[in-house]
Amino acid sequence: MEMIVVLHNIRSTHNVGAILRTAEGFGAWRVILSGYTPRVHDKNLLPHIRDKLDREIHKTALGAEEMLDIYSSHDIISDLRRLKEEGWQVVGLENNITERPLLNLGEAKFSDRVVLVLGEEVNGIDYSLYDIIDLFVEIPMRGQKESFNVSVAAGIAMYGIMDS
């Protein structure tokens, strides 16, 4: 199983760092940062801003940001289309959507090459990506809350995909 993890429009540096650490732990092949997701080692930023973001992400990544192949996408739609052409299955992690079928994570069938797309903490995956996503999965909730924190959900989803 090969996995690429896409962080699209994730706002929190702490969530980014935690997801990077989890992705490294599961042996993700690559992590793609897109939209307004904070980047590590972003040469396009002023040094003091880049250093601040790097420190914030490092607090939860704990060095995983140095171990992963991290790619900064400036055109995520084109990048996802290219991955699909190369045979990757694009899977969106969502909850409470009605526009597309939503499968329970434990019931979904995954290919040997999965791109896991994670969206913004409150609003989820941007609608502009829906047509590119092959399959939407959700994590069943048993309590009263409707969702997990994105970094926690990412870990559950990575485990569910890798264990399938």
Protein backbone atom coordinates (compact mmCIF):
# COMPACT_ATOMS: atom_id res chain seq x y z
CA MET A 1 0.00 0.00 0.00
CA GLU A 2 1.28 3.43 -0.99
CA MET A 3 -0.30 6.58 0.39
CA ILE A 4 -0.10 10.27 -0.36
CA VAL A 5 -1.76 12.66 2.09
CA VAL A 6 -3.11 16.01 0.88
CA LEU A 7 -3.62 18.83 3.37
CA HIS A 8 -5.81 21.36 1.57
CA ASN A 9 -6.69 24.59 3.40
CA ILE A 10 -5.75 23.30 6.85
CA ARG A 11 -5.47 26.43 9.01
CA SER A 12 -3.65 25.30 12.15
CA THR A 13 0.12 24.80 12.23
CA HIS A 14 -0.44 22.37 15.10
CA ASN A 15 -2.79 20.25 12.99
CA VAL A 16 -0.31 20.34 10.09
CA GLY A 17 2.51 19.18 12.37
CA ALA A 18 0.43 16.43 13.97
CA ILE A 19 -0.69 15.14 10.56
CA LEU A 20 2.90 15.18 9.28
CA ARG A 21 4.00 13.14 12.29
CA THR A 22 1.18 10.65 11.77
CA ALA A 23 1.80 10.42 8.02
CA GLU A 24 5.46 9.64 8.67
CA GLY A 25 4.47 7.02 11.24
CA PHE A 26 2.26 5.28 8.68
CA GLY A 27 4.95 5.46 6.01
CA ALA A 28 3.20 7.91 3.69
CA TRP A 29 4.98 8.16 0.36
CA ARG A 30 4.45 11.93 0.17
CA VAL A 31 2.51 14.77 1.79
CA ILE A 32 1.11 17.53 -0.40
CA LEU A 33 0.36 20.92 1.12
CA SER A 34 -2.07 23.09 -0.86
CA GLY A 35 -4.37 26.06 -0.61
CA TYR A 36 -3.63 28.19 2.43
CA THR A 37 -2.16 25.31 4.47
CA PRO A 38 0.96 26.58 6.29
CA ARG A 39 4.13 25.26 4.66
CA VAL A 40 7.39 24.14 6.22
CA HIS A 41 10.62 25.59 4.82
CA ASP A 42 8.65 27.85 2.47
CA LYS A 43 11.28 29.82 0.54
CA ASN A 44 8.58 32.19 -0.74
CA LEU A 45 8.11 33.67 2.73
CA LEU A 46 10.18 36.28 4.51
CA PRO A 47 12.75 34.52 6.72
CA HIS A 48 11.20 35.60 10.03
CA ILE A 49 7.74 34.39 8.98
CA ARG A 50 9.16 31.12 7.58
CA ASP A 51 11.10 30.53 10.82
CA LYS A 52 7.98 31.16 12.93
CA LEU A 53 5.87 28.72 10.88
CA ASP A 54 8.65 26.12 10.95
CA ARG A 55 8.87 26.38 14.76
CA GLU A 56 5.08 26.10 15.15
CA ILE A 57 4.81 23.07 12.88
CA HIS A 58 7.82 21.43 14.55
CA LYS A 59 6.07 21.59 17.96
CA THR A 60 3.76 18.76 16.91
CA ALA A 61 5.65 17.21 13.98
CA LEU A 62 8.70 16.63 16.20
CA GLY A 63 11.07 16.16 13.28
CA ALA A 64 8.72 14.29 10.94
CA GLU A 65 8.77 17.38 8.72
CA GLU A 66 12.43 16.57 7.99
CA MET A 67 11.75 12.88 7.21
CA LEU A 68 8.89 13.20 4.73
CA ASP A 69 8.75 14.02 1.05
CA ILE A 70 6.69 17.21 1.31
CA TYR A 71 5.45 18.86 -1.87
CA SER A 72 3.89 22.31 -2.01
CA SER A 73 1.16 22.40 -4.65
CA HIS A 74 0.12 25.64 -6.27
CA ASP A 75 -2.45 23.87 -8.50
CA ILE A 76 -3.94 21.00 -6.52
CA ILE A 77 -6.60 20.24 -9.13
CA SER A 78 -3.95 19.62 -11.81
CA ASP A 79 -1.82 17.65 -9.38
CA LEU A 80 -4.72 15.40 -8.37
CA ARG A 81 -5.69 14.86 -12.01
CA ARG A 82 -2.11 13.82 -12.80
CA LEU A 83 -2.07 11.38 -9.86
CA LYS A 84 -5.37 9.86 -11.06
CA GLU A 85 -3.87 9.41 -14.54
CA GLU A 86 -0.97 7.59 -12.87
CA GLY A 87 -3.41 5.15 -11.25
CA TRP A 88 -3.86 6.65 -7.78
CA GLN A 89 -7.29 6.41 -6.12
CA VAL A 90 -8.29 9.80 -4.68
CA VAL A 91 -10.19 9.45 -1.39
CA GLY A 92 -11.78 12.37 0.46
CA LEU A 93 -12.31 12.24 4.22
CA GLU A 94 -15.57 14.01 5.01
CA ASN A 95 -18.64 13.91 7.18
CA ASN A 96 -22.21 15.08 6.75
CA ILE A 97 -22.09 15.70 3.00
CA THR A 98 -25.09 15.08 0.78
CA GLU A 99 -23.66 15.98 -2.63
CA ARG A 100 -21.88 12.65 -3.06
CA PRO A 101 -22.20 9.13 -1.60
CA LEU A 102 -20.39 8.82 1.72
CA LEU A 103 -19.08 5.40 2.76
CA ASN A 104 -18.14 4.20 6.20
CA LEU A 105 -14.34 4.04 6.40
CA GLY A 106 -14.46 0.39 7.46
CA GLU A 107 -16.65 -0.62 4.51
CA ALA A 108 -14.79 1.16 1.72
CA LYS A 109 -12.55 -0.67 -0.77
CA PHE A 110 -9.20 0.96 -1.44
CA SER A 111 -6.66 0.42 -4.18
CA ASP A 112 -2.96 -0.17 -3.54
CA ARG A 113 -2.21 3.52 -4.21
CA VAL A 114 -4.36 6.00 -2.29
CA VAL A 115 -4.33 9.78 -2.14
CA LEU A 116 -6.09 10.81 1.10
CA VAL A 117 -7.49 14.34 0.85
CA LEU A 118 -8.10 16.27 4.07
CA GLY A 119 -9.90 19.59 4.09
CA GLU A 120 -10.33 22.67 6.22
CA GLU A 121 -11.02 22.10 9.90
CA VAL A 122 -14.56 23.51 9.97
CA ASN A 123 -15.85 23.45 6.39
CA GLY A 124 -14.15 20.29 5.14
CA ILE A 125 -12.96 19.65 1.62
CA ASP A 126 -13.40 22.52 -0.81
CA TYR A 127 -16.23 21.86 -3.31
CA SER A 128 -13.85 22.58 -6.20
CA LEU A 129 -12.16 19.22 -5.46
CA TYR A 130 -15.32 17.10 -5.36
CA ASP A 131 -15.28 16.11 -9.04
CA ILE A 132 -11.71 14.83 -8.76
CA ILE A 133 -12.35 12.65 -5.71
CA ASP A 134 -13.15 9.02 -6.52
CA LEU A 135 -14.58 8.07 -3.15
CA PHE A 136 -15.69 9.90 -0.01
CA VAL A 137 -15.36 8.15 3.34
CA GLU A 138 -16.45 9.06 6.84
CA ILE A 139 -15.53 7.92 10.32
CA PRO A 140 -18.66 6.78 12.15
CA MET A 141 -19.35 8.83 15.27
CA ARG A 142 -20.95 7.24 18.32
CA GLY A 143 -21.05 10.22 20.66
CA GLN A 144 -22.87 13.51 20.36
CA LYS A 145 -20.13 15.37 18.48
CA GLU A 146 -20.37 15.33 14.69
CA SER A 147 -16.66 15.20 13.93
CA PHE A 148 -13.11 14.66 15.18
CA ASN A 149 -10.29 17.17 15.05
CA VAL A 150 -8.75 16.92 11.56
CA SER A 151 -5.43 15.59 12.88
CA VAL A 152 -7.19 12.87 14.90
CA ALA A 153 -9.43 12.00 11.94
CA ALA A 154 -6.37 11.85 9.67
CA GLY A 155 -4.77 9.26 11.94
CA ILE A 156 -7.91 7.14 12.10
CA ALA A 157 -8.32 7.32 8.31
CA MET A 158 -4.66 6.47 7.61
CA TYR A 159 -4.93 3.45 9.88
CA GLY A 160 -8.21 2.36 8.29
CA ILE A 161 -6.81 2.66 4.79
CA MET A 162 -3.48 1.00 5.54
CA ASP A 163 -5.23 -1.82 7.43
CA SER A 164 -7.74 -2.54 4.65
